[in-house]
Amino acid sequence: MKSSIVKILSLASFIAGSAALNAAKVGYEAPEFKLMDISGTEHRLSDFSGKYVVLEWVNPACPFVKKHYSSGNMQSLQEKWTDKGVGWLSIESTKPEHPQYFGKTELTKFTKKAETHSTAFLLDEGGKVGKLYDARTTPHMYIISPEGKLIYNGAIDSISSANPKDVGKAENYVSAALYAAKSGEEITKSTTRAYGCSVKY
């Protein structure tokens, strides 16, 4: 019995260790994934090979997400960078059983009302991709280089509040990282502490 328990614990430890090794890390290849968007179209990360890609974890019910959408900040960033050829993938990883879960219908209404400009709004209902990237908050932002490496992981900006008035006073880490990368410069803040509501896995 004791031997079986030890074997089970060892297997669990091995699986956890393997997951940690395969998780997204700045400076390393971004893990591949595929998800369906709210219109039923499948998207793979590799579809964007040769382009910069922004991953944005989102939960429309989160006050921190509302801050960036009610102020128009998130939509402005989406439009600005997609116009420059960047792929922008908004990802919702809230589990269907959670009260804050938004299904296809609700998310479609949200994207239309907010007038979003992301390339696609993806559903990660099982939370597999969120966990693969260790997405912890909404919003939680990632940037992937044209070569497929993760080059930024963290907060959208420098002021961790839910107050829309703080948007204009904050340093936007996502734009700063994209400007630096596109100019061939070093990203001085490639990892920051993401803030917001916890992802509802």
N, C-alpha and C. Protein backbone atom coordinates (compact mmCIF):
# COMPACT_ATOMS: atom_id res chain seq x y z
N MET A 1 0.84 -1.21 0.00
CA MET A 1 0.00 0.00 0.00
C MET A 1 0.87 1.25 0.00
N LYS A 2 1.86 1.26 0.91
CA LYS A 2 2.77 2.40 1.00
C LYS A 2 3.52 2.60 -0.30
N SER A 3 3.94 1.48 -0.91
CA SER A 3 4.67 1.55 -2.18
C SER A 3 3.80 2.16 -3.28
N SER A 4 2.51 1.80 -3.27
CA SER A 4 1.58 2.33 -4.29
C SER A 4 1.40 3.82 -4.14
N ILE A 5 1.29 4.27 -2.89
CA ILE A 5 1.12 5.70 -2.61
C ILE A 5 2.34 6.48 -3.08
N VAL A 6 3.52 5.92 -2.80
CA VAL A 6 4.78 6.56 -3.22
C VAL A 6 4.83 6.68 -4.73
N LYS A 7 4.41 5.61 -5.42
CA LYS A 7 4.41 5.62 -6.88
C LYS A 7 3.45 6.67 -7.43
N ILE A 8 2.26 6.77 -6.82
CA ILE A 8 1.26 7.74 -7.26
C ILE A 8 1.77 9.16 -7.05
N LEU A 9 2.37 9.40 -5.88
CA LEU A 9 2.92 10.72 -5.58
C LEU A 9 4.06 11.07 -6.53
N SER A 10 4.89 10.08 -6.85
CA SER A 10 6.00 10.30 -7.77
C SER A 10 5.49 10.64 -9.16
N LEU A 11 4.43 9.93 -9.59
CA LEU A 11 3.84 10.18 -10.90
C LEU A 11 3.24 11.58 -10.95
N ALA A 12 2.54 11.96 -9.88
CA ALA A 12 1.94 13.30 -9.81
C ALA A 12 3.01 14.37 -9.85
N SER A 13 4.11 14.11 -9.15
CA SER A 13 5.22 15.06 -9.14
C SER A 13 5.84 15.18 -10.52
N PHE A 14 5.96 14.03 -11.22
CA PHE A 14 6.53 14.03 -12.57
C PHE A 14 5.65 14.82 -13.53
N ILE A 15 4.32 14.58 -13.45
CA ILE A 15 3.37 15.28 -14.32
C ILE A 15 3.43 16.78 -14.06
N ALA A 16 3.44 17.16 -12.79
CA ALA A 16 3.50 18.58 -12.43
C ALA A 16 4.80 19.20 -12.94
N GLY A 17 5.89 18.45 -12.81
CA GLY A 17 7.18 18.95 -13.27
C GLY A 17 7.21 19.11 -14.78
N SER A 18 6.60 18.14 -15.48
CA SER A 18 6.54 18.21 -16.95
C SER A 18 5.72 19.41 -17.39
N ALA A 19 4.61 19.67 -16.69
CA ALA A 19 3.76 20.81 -17.03
C ALA A 19 4.51 22.11 -16.83
N ALA A 20 5.29 22.16 -15.74
CA ALA A 20 6.06 23.37 -15.45
C ALA A 20 7.11 23.60 -16.53
N LEU A 21 7.73 22.50 -16.98
CA LEU A 21 8.75 22.62 -18.02
C LEU A 21 8.16 23.09 -19.33
N ASN A 22 6.92 22.67 -19.61
CA ASN A 22 6.27 23.01 -20.86
C ASN A 22 5.53 24.34 -20.81
N ALA A 23 5.43 24.95 -19.63
CA ALA A 23 4.71 26.21 -19.49
C ALA A 23 5.47 27.33 -20.18
N ALA A 24 4.74 28.37 -20.54
CA ALA A 24 5.33 29.50 -21.26
C ALA A 24 6.34 30.25 -20.40
N LYS A 25 7.50 30.54 -20.96
CA LYS A 25 8.54 31.29 -20.27
C LYS A 25 9.12 32.33 -21.22
N VAL A 26 9.33 33.54 -20.71
CA VAL A 26 9.91 34.59 -21.53
C VAL A 26 11.30 34.17 -22.00
N GLY A 27 11.55 34.36 -23.27
CA GLY A 27 12.83 33.99 -23.86
C GLY A 27 12.82 32.62 -24.51
N TYR A 28 11.72 31.89 -24.32
CA TYR A 28 11.60 30.55 -24.89
C TYR A 28 10.43 30.51 -25.87
N GLU A 29 10.37 29.44 -26.63
CA GLU A 29 9.31 29.28 -27.62
C GLU A 29 7.94 29.27 -26.94
N ALA A 30 7.02 30.04 -27.47
CA ALA A 30 5.66 30.08 -26.92
C ALA A 30 4.95 28.78 -27.27
N PRO A 31 4.28 28.15 -26.31
CA PRO A 31 3.60 26.89 -26.59
C PRO A 31 2.50 27.04 -27.63
N GLU A 32 2.44 26.09 -28.55
CA GLU A 32 1.41 26.08 -29.58
C GLU A 32 0.05 25.78 -28.93
N PHE A 33 -1.00 26.30 -29.52
CA PHE A 33 -2.35 25.98 -29.07
C PHE A 33 -3.33 26.21 -30.21
N LYS A 34 -4.51 25.65 -30.07
CA LYS A 34 -5.60 25.93 -31.00
C LYS A 34 -6.89 26.08 -30.20
N LEU A 35 -7.68 27.08 -30.57
CA LEU A 35 -8.94 27.35 -29.90
C LEU A 35 -9.95 27.84 -30.94
N MET A 36 -11.22 27.65 -30.61
CA MET A 36 -12.30 28.16 -31.46
C MET A 36 -12.65 29.57 -31.02
N ASP A 37 -12.99 30.42 -31.99
CA ASP A 37 -13.43 31.76 -31.63
C ASP A 37 -14.95 31.77 -31.46
N ILE A 38 -15.52 32.93 -31.12
CA ILE A 38 -16.94 33.00 -30.81
C ILE A 38 -17.83 32.82 -32.04
N SER A 39 -17.23 32.83 -33.22
CA SER A 39 -18.01 32.60 -34.44
C SER A 39 -17.88 31.16 -34.93
N GLY A 40 -17.07 30.36 -34.20
CA GLY A 40 -16.91 28.95 -34.55
C GLY A 40 -15.72 28.64 -35.43
N THR A 41 -14.84 29.62 -35.63
CA THR A 41 -13.64 29.42 -36.46
C THR A 41 -12.46 29.01 -35.58
N GLU A 42 -11.70 28.02 -36.03
CA GLU A 42 -10.53 27.56 -35.28
C GLU A 42 -9.31 28.42 -35.59
N HIS A 43 -8.56 28.72 -34.56
CA HIS A 43 -7.32 29.49 -34.72
C HIS A 43 -6.18 28.77 -34.01
N ARG A 44 -5.04 28.73 -34.65
CA ARG A 44 -3.82 28.19 -34.06
C ARG A 44 -2.81 29.32 -33.89
N LEU A 45 -1.99 29.23 -32.88
CA LEU A 45 -0.95 30.22 -32.71
C LEU A 45 -0.03 30.23 -33.93
N SER A 46 0.25 29.06 -34.47
CA SER A 46 1.15 28.95 -35.62
C SER A 46 0.59 29.62 -36.88
N ASP A 47 -0.71 29.92 -36.89
CA ASP A 47 -1.30 30.64 -38.02
C ASP A 47 -0.69 32.04 -38.15
N PHE A 48 -0.12 32.53 -37.05
CA PHE A 48 0.42 33.88 -37.00
C PHE A 48 1.95 33.90 -37.09
N SER A 49 2.52 32.81 -37.55
CA SER A 49 3.97 32.73 -37.70
C SER A 49 4.47 33.88 -38.57
N GLY A 50 5.54 34.56 -38.12
CA GLY A 50 6.08 35.69 -38.86
C GLY A 50 5.50 37.02 -38.42
N LYS A 51 4.56 36.97 -37.46
CA LYS A 51 3.96 38.20 -36.94
C LYS A 51 4.13 38.28 -35.42
N TYR A 52 4.09 39.50 -34.91
CA TYR A 52 3.97 39.65 -33.47
C TYR A 52 2.54 39.28 -33.09
N VAL A 53 2.39 38.68 -31.92
CA VAL A 53 1.07 38.30 -31.43
C VAL A 53 0.91 38.75 -29.99
N VAL A 54 -0.22 39.37 -29.68
CA VAL A 54 -0.55 39.72 -28.30
C VAL A 54 -1.65 38.77 -27.83
N LEU A 55 -1.47 38.20 -26.66
CA LEU A 55 -2.50 37.39 -26.02
C LEU A 55 -3.06 38.21 -24.86
N GLU A 56 -4.36 38.35 -24.82
CA GLU A 56 -5.02 39.14 -23.77
C GLU A 56 -6.05 38.25 -23.07
N TRP A 57 -5.81 37.93 -21.80
CA TRP A 57 -6.80 37.18 -21.05
C TRP A 57 -7.86 38.14 -20.54
N VAL A 58 -9.12 37.78 -20.76
CA VAL A 58 -10.21 38.71 -20.49
C VAL A 58 -11.40 38.03 -19.83
N ASN A 59 -12.04 38.76 -18.95
CA ASN A 59 -13.31 38.37 -18.33
C ASN A 59 -14.15 39.64 -18.25
N PRO A 60 -15.17 39.78 -19.08
CA PRO A 60 -15.94 41.01 -19.13
C PRO A 60 -16.58 41.43 -17.80
N ALA A 61 -16.73 40.48 -16.87
CA ALA A 61 -17.35 40.80 -15.58
C ALA A 61 -16.34 41.36 -14.57
N CYS A 62 -15.07 41.31 -14.89
CA CYS A 62 -14.02 41.76 -13.98
C CYS A 62 -13.89 43.28 -13.99
N PRO A 63 -13.88 43.93 -12.81
CA PRO A 63 -13.75 45.40 -12.74
C PRO A 63 -12.48 45.94 -13.40
N PHE A 64 -11.40 45.16 -13.35
CA PHE A 64 -10.14 45.60 -13.95
C PHE A 64 -10.23 45.55 -15.48
N VAL A 65 -10.95 44.57 -15.99
CA VAL A 65 -11.19 44.49 -17.44
C VAL A 65 -12.11 45.63 -17.86
N LYS A 66 -13.15 45.86 -17.05
CA LYS A 66 -14.09 46.95 -17.34
C LYS A 66 -13.36 48.29 -17.39
N LYS A 67 -12.36 48.47 -16.51
CA LYS A 67 -11.56 49.70 -16.51
C LYS A 67 -10.98 49.98 -17.88
N HIS A 68 -10.39 48.96 -18.49
CA HIS A 68 -9.69 49.16 -19.76
C HIS A 68 -10.63 49.20 -20.96
N TYR A 69 -11.81 48.60 -20.82
CA TYR A 69 -12.78 48.65 -21.92
C TYR A 69 -13.70 49.87 -21.82
N SER A 70 -14.12 50.23 -20.60
CA SER A 70 -15.00 51.39 -20.46
C SER A 70 -14.28 52.69 -20.82
N SER A 71 -12.97 52.71 -20.61
CA SER A 71 -12.16 53.89 -20.97
C SER A 71 -11.78 53.90 -22.44
N GLY A 72 -11.99 52.77 -23.11
CA GLY A 72 -11.60 52.64 -24.52
C GLY A 72 -10.12 52.31 -24.70
N ASN A 73 -9.42 52.10 -23.59
CA ASN A 73 -7.97 51.85 -23.67
C ASN A 73 -7.65 50.55 -24.39
N MET A 74 -8.35 49.46 -24.04
CA MET A 74 -8.04 48.17 -24.65
C MET A 74 -8.36 48.18 -26.14
N GLN A 75 -9.52 48.75 -26.49
CA GLN A 75 -9.89 48.81 -27.91
C GLN A 75 -8.90 49.65 -28.71
N SER A 76 -8.43 50.74 -28.10
CA SER A 76 -7.46 51.62 -28.76
C SER A 76 -6.15 50.88 -29.02
N LEU A 77 -5.70 50.12 -28.03
CA LEU A 77 -4.48 49.32 -28.20
C LEU A 77 -4.66 48.27 -29.28
N GLN A 78 -5.80 47.59 -29.24
CA GLN A 78 -6.08 46.55 -30.23
C GLN A 78 -6.04 47.13 -31.65
N GLU A 79 -6.73 48.25 -31.83
CA GLU A 79 -6.79 48.87 -33.16
C GLU A 79 -5.42 49.36 -33.61
N LYS A 80 -4.72 50.01 -32.69
CA LYS A 80 -3.40 50.56 -33.01
C LYS A 80 -2.45 49.48 -33.50
N TRP A 81 -2.39 48.36 -32.77
CA TRP A 81 -1.39 47.35 -33.09
C TRP A 81 -1.84 46.39 -34.19
N THR A 82 -3.13 46.11 -34.29
CA THR A 82 -3.57 45.26 -35.40
C THR A 82 -3.40 46.02 -36.73
N ASP A 83 -3.56 47.33 -36.69
CA ASP A 83 -3.31 48.13 -37.89
C ASP A 83 -1.84 48.07 -38.32
N LYS A 84 -0.96 47.74 -37.37
CA LYS A 84 0.47 47.62 -37.66
C LYS A 84 0.86 46.17 -37.95
N GLY A 85 -0.14 45.31 -38.14
CA GLY A 85 0.13 43.93 -38.52
C GLY A 85 0.29 42.94 -37.38
N VAL A 86 -0.01 43.38 -36.16
CA VAL A 86 0.09 42.50 -34.99
C VAL A 86 -1.19 41.67 -34.86
N GLY A 87 -1.04 40.39 -34.57
CA GLY A 87 -2.20 39.56 -34.28
C GLY A 87 -2.59 39.74 -32.82
N TRP A 88 -3.86 39.97 -32.55
CA TRP A 88 -4.31 40.20 -31.16
C TRP A 88 -5.39 39.19 -30.84
N LEU A 89 -5.10 38.28 -29.92
CA LEU A 89 -6.03 37.23 -29.54
C LEU A 89 -6.53 37.44 -28.12
N SER A 90 -7.81 37.73 -28.00
CA SER A 90 -8.45 37.86 -26.69
C SER A 90 -8.92 36.47 -26.29
N ILE A 91 -8.61 36.06 -25.06
CA ILE A 91 -8.92 34.69 -24.63
C ILE A 91 -9.73 34.71 -23.33
N GLU A 92 -10.83 33.96 -23.33
CA GLU A 92 -11.67 33.85 -22.15
C GLU A 92 -11.57 32.42 -21.62
N SER A 93 -11.02 32.27 -20.39
CA SER A 93 -10.79 30.94 -19.82
C SER A 93 -11.72 30.62 -18.64
N THR A 94 -12.74 31.43 -18.43
CA THR A 94 -13.67 31.18 -17.33
C THR A 94 -14.41 29.86 -17.54
N LYS A 95 -14.45 29.04 -16.51
CA LYS A 95 -15.14 27.75 -16.65
C LYS A 95 -16.65 27.96 -16.77
N PRO A 96 -17.31 27.14 -17.56
CA PRO A 96 -18.75 27.31 -17.82
C PRO A 96 -19.62 27.29 -16.56
N GLU A 97 -19.14 26.63 -15.51
CA GLU A 97 -19.95 26.52 -14.29
C GLU A 97 -19.90 27.79 -13.44
N HIS A 98 -18.97 28.68 -13.74
CA HIS A 98 -18.80 29.87 -12.91
C HIS A 98 -19.85 30.94 -13.25
N PRO A 99 -20.35 31.66 -12.23
CA PRO A 99 -21.36 32.71 -12.46
C PRO A 99 -20.89 33.80 -13.43
N GLN A 100 -19.57 34.00 -13.55
CA GLN A 100 -19.06 35.04 -14.43
C GLN A 100 -18.75 34.53 -15.85
N TYR A 101 -19.15 33.30 -16.13
CA TYR A 101 -18.90 32.73 -17.46
C TYR A 101 -19.73 33.46 -18.52
N PHE A 102 -19.07 33.81 -19.61
CA PHE A 102 -19.74 34.40 -20.77
C PHE A 102 -19.63 33.40 -21.92
N GLY A 103 -20.75 32.95 -22.43
CA GLY A 103 -20.74 32.04 -23.57
C GLY A 103 -20.64 32.81 -24.88
N LYS A 104 -20.79 32.10 -25.99
CA LYS A 104 -20.65 32.73 -27.31
C LYS A 104 -21.61 33.90 -27.51
N THR A 105 -22.85 33.70 -27.09
CA THR A 105 -23.86 34.75 -27.28
C THR A 105 -23.52 36.00 -26.49
N GLU A 106 -23.17 35.80 -25.22
CA GLU A 106 -22.85 36.94 -24.35
C GLU A 106 -21.57 37.64 -24.82
N LEU A 107 -20.58 36.86 -25.23
CA LEU A 107 -19.33 37.45 -25.69
C LEU A 107 -19.50 38.19 -27.01
N THR A 108 -20.36 37.67 -27.86
CA THR A 108 -20.63 38.37 -29.12
C THR A 108 -21.27 39.72 -28.85
N LYS A 109 -22.21 39.75 -27.91
CA LYS A 109 -22.84 41.02 -27.52
C LYS A 109 -21.81 41.97 -26.92
N PHE A 110 -20.91 41.41 -26.10
CA PHE A 110 -19.87 42.23 -25.46
C PHE A 110 -18.95 42.85 -26.51
N THR A 111 -18.50 42.05 -27.46
CA THR A 111 -17.56 42.56 -28.47
C THR A 111 -18.20 43.64 -29.34
N LYS A 112 -19.48 43.47 -29.63
CA LYS A 112 -20.19 44.46 -30.45
C LYS A 112 -20.41 45.76 -29.67
N LYS A 113 -20.84 45.63 -28.43
CA LYS A 113 -21.11 46.81 -27.61
C LYS A 113 -19.82 47.58 -27.32
N ALA A 114 -18.75 46.85 -27.03
CA ALA A 114 -17.47 47.48 -26.71
C ALA A 114 -16.71 47.92 -27.96
N GLU A 115 -17.16 47.46 -29.12
CA GLU A 115 -16.49 47.77 -30.39
C GLU A 115 -15.01 47.38 -30.33
N THR A 116 -14.80 46.11 -30.02
CA THR A 116 -13.44 45.59 -29.90
C THR A 116 -12.77 45.49 -31.27
N HIS A 117 -11.42 45.45 -31.23
CA HIS A 117 -10.65 45.39 -32.47
C HIS A 117 -9.63 44.24 -32.45
N SER A 118 -9.87 43.25 -31.59
CA SER A 118 -8.94 42.12 -31.56
C SER A 118 -9.11 41.29 -32.83
N THR A 119 -8.08 40.55 -33.18
CA THR A 119 -8.12 39.70 -34.37
C THR A 119 -9.16 38.60 -34.21
N ALA A 120 -9.22 38.04 -33.01
CA ALA A 120 -10.20 36.99 -32.71
C ALA A 120 -10.44 36.94 -31.21
N PHE A 121 -11.65 36.52 -30.84
CA PHE A 121 -12.00 36.34 -29.43
C PHE A 121 -12.17 34.85 -29.21
N LEU A 122 -11.25 34.24 -28.46
CA LEU A 122 -11.18 32.79 -28.34
C LEU A 122 -11.77 32.27 -27.05
N LEU A 123 -12.38 31.09 -27.14
CA LEU A 123 -12.97 30.43 -25.98
C LEU A 123 -12.07 29.30 -25.50
N ASP A 124 -11.65 29.40 -24.24
CA ASP A 124 -10.78 28.40 -23.62
C ASP A 124 -11.53 27.81 -22.43
N GLU A 125 -12.66 27.18 -22.72
CA GLU A 125 -13.59 26.76 -21.67
C GLU A 125 -12.99 25.76 -20.68
N GLY A 126 -12.09 24.93 -21.13
CA GLY A 126 -11.46 23.98 -20.23
C GLY A 126 -10.27 24.56 -19.49
N GLY A 127 -9.88 25.78 -19.86
CA GLY A 127 -8.76 26.44 -19.20
C GLY A 127 -7.39 25.89 -19.56
N LYS A 128 -7.33 25.01 -20.56
CA LYS A 128 -6.07 24.35 -20.89
C LYS A 128 -5.00 25.35 -21.34
N VAL A 129 -5.38 26.27 -22.22
CA VAL A 129 -4.40 27.24 -22.73
C VAL A 129 -4.02 28.24 -21.66
N GLY A 130 -5.00 28.67 -20.87
CA GLY A 130 -4.70 29.59 -19.76
C GLY A 130 -3.70 29.00 -18.80
N LYS A 131 -3.88 27.74 -18.47
CA LYS A 131 -2.96 27.07 -17.55
C LYS A 131 -1.60 26.85 -18.21
N LEU A 132 -1.61 26.58 -19.50
CA LEU A 132 -0.35 26.37 -20.23
C LEU A 132 0.50 27.64 -20.19
N TYR A 133 -0.16 28.79 -20.26
CA TYR A 133 0.55 30.07 -20.21
C TYR A 133 0.64 30.64 -18.79
N ASP A 134 0.05 29.92 -17.84
CA ASP A 134 0.03 30.37 -16.45
C ASP A 134 -0.63 31.75 -16.33
N ALA A 135 -1.72 31.93 -17.08
CA ALA A 135 -2.48 33.18 -17.00
C ALA A 135 -3.19 33.21 -15.66
N ARG A 136 -2.93 34.25 -14.88
CA ARG A 136 -3.44 34.30 -13.52
C ARG A 136 -4.52 35.34 -13.30
N THR A 137 -4.52 36.37 -14.12
CA THR A 137 -5.46 37.46 -13.90
C THR A 137 -6.13 37.89 -15.20
N THR A 138 -7.19 38.68 -15.03
CA THR A 138 -7.78 39.36 -16.19
C THR A 138 -7.75 40.85 -15.88
N PRO A 139 -7.01 41.61 -16.74
CA PRO A 139 -6.25 41.12 -17.90
C PRO A 139 -4.88 40.56 -17.50
N HIS A 140 -4.37 39.64 -18.31
CA HIS A 140 -2.99 39.17 -18.22
C HIS A 140 -2.50 39.18 -19.66
N MET A 141 -1.38 39.84 -19.91
CA MET A 141 -0.94 40.10 -21.28
C MET A 141 0.36 39.37 -21.62
N TYR A 142 0.44 38.89 -22.85
CA TYR A 142 1.63 38.22 -23.35
C TYR A 142 1.93 38.75 -24.76
N ILE A 143 3.21 38.78 -25.11
CA ILE A 143 3.59 39.13 -26.47
C ILE A 143 4.52 38.05 -27.00
N ILE A 144 4.26 37.63 -28.23
CA ILE A 144 5.05 36.59 -28.89
C ILE A 144 5.69 37.20 -30.13
N SER A 145 6.96 36.91 -30.34
CA SER A 145 7.71 37.48 -31.47
C SER A 145 7.37 36.76 -32.76
N PRO A 146 7.74 37.35 -33.91
CA PRO A 146 7.51 36.68 -35.20
C PRO A 146 8.20 35.32 -35.30
N GLU A 147 9.25 35.14 -34.49
CA GLU A 147 9.97 33.86 -34.48
C GLU A 147 9.32 32.85 -33.54
N GLY A 148 8.25 33.24 -32.86
CA GLY A 148 7.53 32.32 -32.00
C GLY A 148 8.00 32.28 -30.56
N LYS A 149 8.83 33.24 -30.15
CA LYS A 149 9.29 33.27 -28.76
C LYS A 149 8.45 34.23 -27.92
N LEU A 150 8.25 33.84 -26.67
CA LEU A 150 7.53 34.72 -25.74
C LEU A 150 8.48 35.83 -25.31
N ILE A 151 8.09 37.09 -25.54
CA ILE A 151 8.99 38.20 -25.22
C ILE A 151 8.42 39.13 -24.14
N TYR A 152 7.16 38.94 -23.78
CA TYR A 152 6.59 39.72 -22.67
C TYR A 152 5.53 38.90 -21.96
N ASN A 153 5.50 39.05 -20.63
CA ASN A 153 4.52 38.37 -19.78
C ASN A 153 4.22 39.26 -18.60
N GLY A 154 2.95 39.69 -18.47
CA GLY A 154 2.64 40.47 -17.27
C GLY A 154 1.44 41.39 -17.41
N ALA A 155 1.55 42.52 -16.73
CA ALA A 155 0.45 43.49 -16.65
C ALA A 155 0.32 44.30 -17.93
N ILE A 156 -0.84 44.88 -18.10
CA ILE A 156 -1.04 45.76 -19.25
C ILE A 156 -0.35 47.10 -19.03
N ASP A 157 -0.32 47.54 -17.76
CA ASP A 157 0.32 48.82 -17.47
C ASP A 157 0.82 48.88 -16.03
N SER A 158 1.28 50.05 -15.63
CA SER A 158 1.98 50.19 -14.35
C SER A 158 1.12 50.54 -13.15
N ILE A 159 -0.17 50.81 -13.34
CA ILE A 159 -1.03 51.18 -12.21
C ILE A 159 -2.08 50.10 -11.99
N SER A 160 -1.93 49.35 -10.92
CA SER A 160 -2.81 48.20 -10.66
C SER A 160 -4.09 48.61 -9.93
N SER A 161 -4.91 49.38 -10.59
CA SER A 161 -6.18 49.79 -10.01
C SER A 161 -7.30 49.44 -10.98
N ALA A 162 -8.55 49.57 -10.49
CA ALA A 162 -9.71 49.35 -11.34
C ALA A 162 -10.35 50.68 -11.74
N ASN A 163 -9.63 51.76 -11.53
CA ASN A 163 -10.13 53.10 -11.81
C ASN A 163 -9.76 53.54 -13.23
N PRO A 164 -10.75 53.77 -14.10
CA PRO A 164 -10.46 54.19 -15.47
C PRO A 164 -9.64 55.48 -15.55
N LYS A 165 -9.71 56.32 -14.53
CA LYS A 165 -8.98 57.58 -14.53
C LYS A 165 -7.46 57.37 -14.47
N ASP A 166 -7.04 56.18 -14.05
CA ASP A 166 -5.61 55.90 -13.93
C ASP A 166 -4.96 55.50 -15.26
N VAL A 167 -5.77 55.19 -16.25
CA VAL A 167 -5.23 54.72 -17.54
C VAL A 167 -4.26 55.72 -18.15
N GLY A 168 -4.65 56.99 -18.17
CA GLY A 168 -3.82 58.01 -18.80
C GLY A 168 -2.54 58.31 -18.05
N LYS A 169 -2.48 57.94 -16.78
CA LYS A 169 -1.30 58.21 -15.95
C LYS A 169 -0.31 57.05 -15.94
N ALA A 170 -0.74 55.91 -16.45
CA ALA A 170 0.08 54.70 -16.35
C ALA A 170 1.03 54.52 -17.53
N GLU A 171 2.13 53.83 -17.28
CA GLU A 171 3.03 53.41 -18.36
C GLU A 171 2.46 52.14 -18.96
N ASN A 172 2.21 52.14 -20.26
CA ASN A 172 1.65 50.96 -20.89
C ASN A 172 2.78 50.00 -21.27
N TYR A 173 2.85 48.89 -20.56
CA TYR A 173 3.93 47.93 -20.76
C TYR A 173 3.83 47.21 -22.12
N VAL A 174 2.61 46.98 -22.58
CA VAL A 174 2.43 46.26 -23.84
C VAL A 174 2.95 47.08 -25.02
N SER A 175 2.53 48.34 -25.08
CA SER A 175 3.00 49.20 -26.16
C SER A 175 4.51 49.41 -26.09
N ALA A 176 5.02 49.61 -24.86
CA ALA A 176 6.46 49.82 -24.69
C ALA A 176 7.25 48.62 -25.20
N ALA A 177 6.77 47.41 -24.89
CA ALA A 177 7.46 46.20 -25.32
C ALA A 177 7.40 46.03 -26.84
N LEU A 178 6.25 46.33 -27.43
CA LEU A 178 6.11 46.21 -28.88
C LEU A 178 6.96 47.24 -29.61
N TYR A 179 6.96 48.47 -29.12
CA TYR A 179 7.80 49.51 -29.74
C TYR A 179 9.27 49.09 -29.70
N ALA A 180 9.71 48.61 -28.54
CA ALA A 180 11.12 48.21 -28.38
C ALA A 180 11.46 47.05 -29.31
N ALA A 181 10.60 46.04 -29.31
CA ALA A 181 10.87 44.85 -30.13
C ALA A 181 10.91 45.19 -31.61
N LYS A 182 9.95 45.99 -32.05
CA LYS A 182 9.90 46.35 -33.47
C LYS A 182 11.06 47.24 -33.89
N SER A 183 11.67 47.93 -32.92
CA SER A 183 12.81 48.79 -33.21
C SER A 183 14.14 48.07 -33.06
N GLY A 184 14.07 46.80 -32.67
CA GLY A 184 15.28 46.02 -32.47
C GLY A 184 15.99 46.32 -31.17
N GLU A 185 15.25 46.95 -30.24
CA GLU A 185 15.83 47.30 -28.95
C GLU A 185 15.46 46.26 -27.88
N GLU A 186 16.18 46.29 -26.79
CA GLU A 186 15.89 45.38 -25.68
C GLU A 186 14.62 45.81 -24.97
N ILE A 187 13.80 44.84 -24.61
CA ILE A 187 12.60 45.13 -23.81
C ILE A 187 13.05 45.19 -22.35
N THR A 188 13.05 46.39 -21.79
CA THR A 188 13.60 46.57 -20.44
C THR A 188 12.73 45.91 -19.36
N LYS A 189 11.43 45.83 -19.62
CA LYS A 189 10.53 45.18 -18.66
C LYS A 189 9.80 44.06 -19.40
N SER A 190 10.46 42.92 -19.51
CA SER A 190 9.88 41.80 -20.24
C SER A 190 8.96 40.94 -19.38
N THR A 191 9.09 41.09 -18.06
CA THR A 191 8.22 40.37 -17.13
C THR A 191 7.79 41.34 -16.04
N THR A 192 6.48 41.48 -15.87
CA THR A 192 5.94 42.31 -14.79
C THR A 192 4.87 41.51 -14.06
N ARG A 193 4.42 42.03 -12.96
CA ARG A 193 3.38 41.33 -12.19
C ARG A 193 2.01 41.72 -12.70
N ALA A 194 1.30 40.74 -13.28
CA ALA A 194 -0.04 41.00 -13.79
C ALA A 194 -0.98 41.31 -12.64
N TYR A 195 -1.91 42.19 -12.88
CA TYR A 195 -2.90 42.53 -11.85
C TYR A 195 -4.31 42.38 -12.42
N GLY A 196 -5.27 42.23 -11.53
CA GLY A 196 -6.67 42.11 -11.95
C GLY A 196 -7.40 41.04 -11.16
N CYS A 197 -8.48 40.54 -11.72
CA CYS A 197 -9.25 39.47 -11.08
C CYS A 197 -8.58 38.13 -11.41
N SER A 198 -8.72 37.18 -10.52
CA SER A 198 -8.16 35.85 -10.79
C SER A 198 -8.91 35.21 -11.95
N VAL A 199 -8.20 34.44 -12.76
CA VAL A 199 -8.86 33.69 -13.84
C VAL A 199 -9.71 32.61 -13.20
N LYS A 200 -10.94 32.50 -13.62
CA LYS A 200 -11.91 31.58 -12.99
C LYS A 200 -11.86 30.19 -13.63
N TYR A 201 -10.77 29.47 -13.35
CA TYR A 201 -10.62 28.11 -13.91
C TYR A 201 -11.59 27.14 -13.24
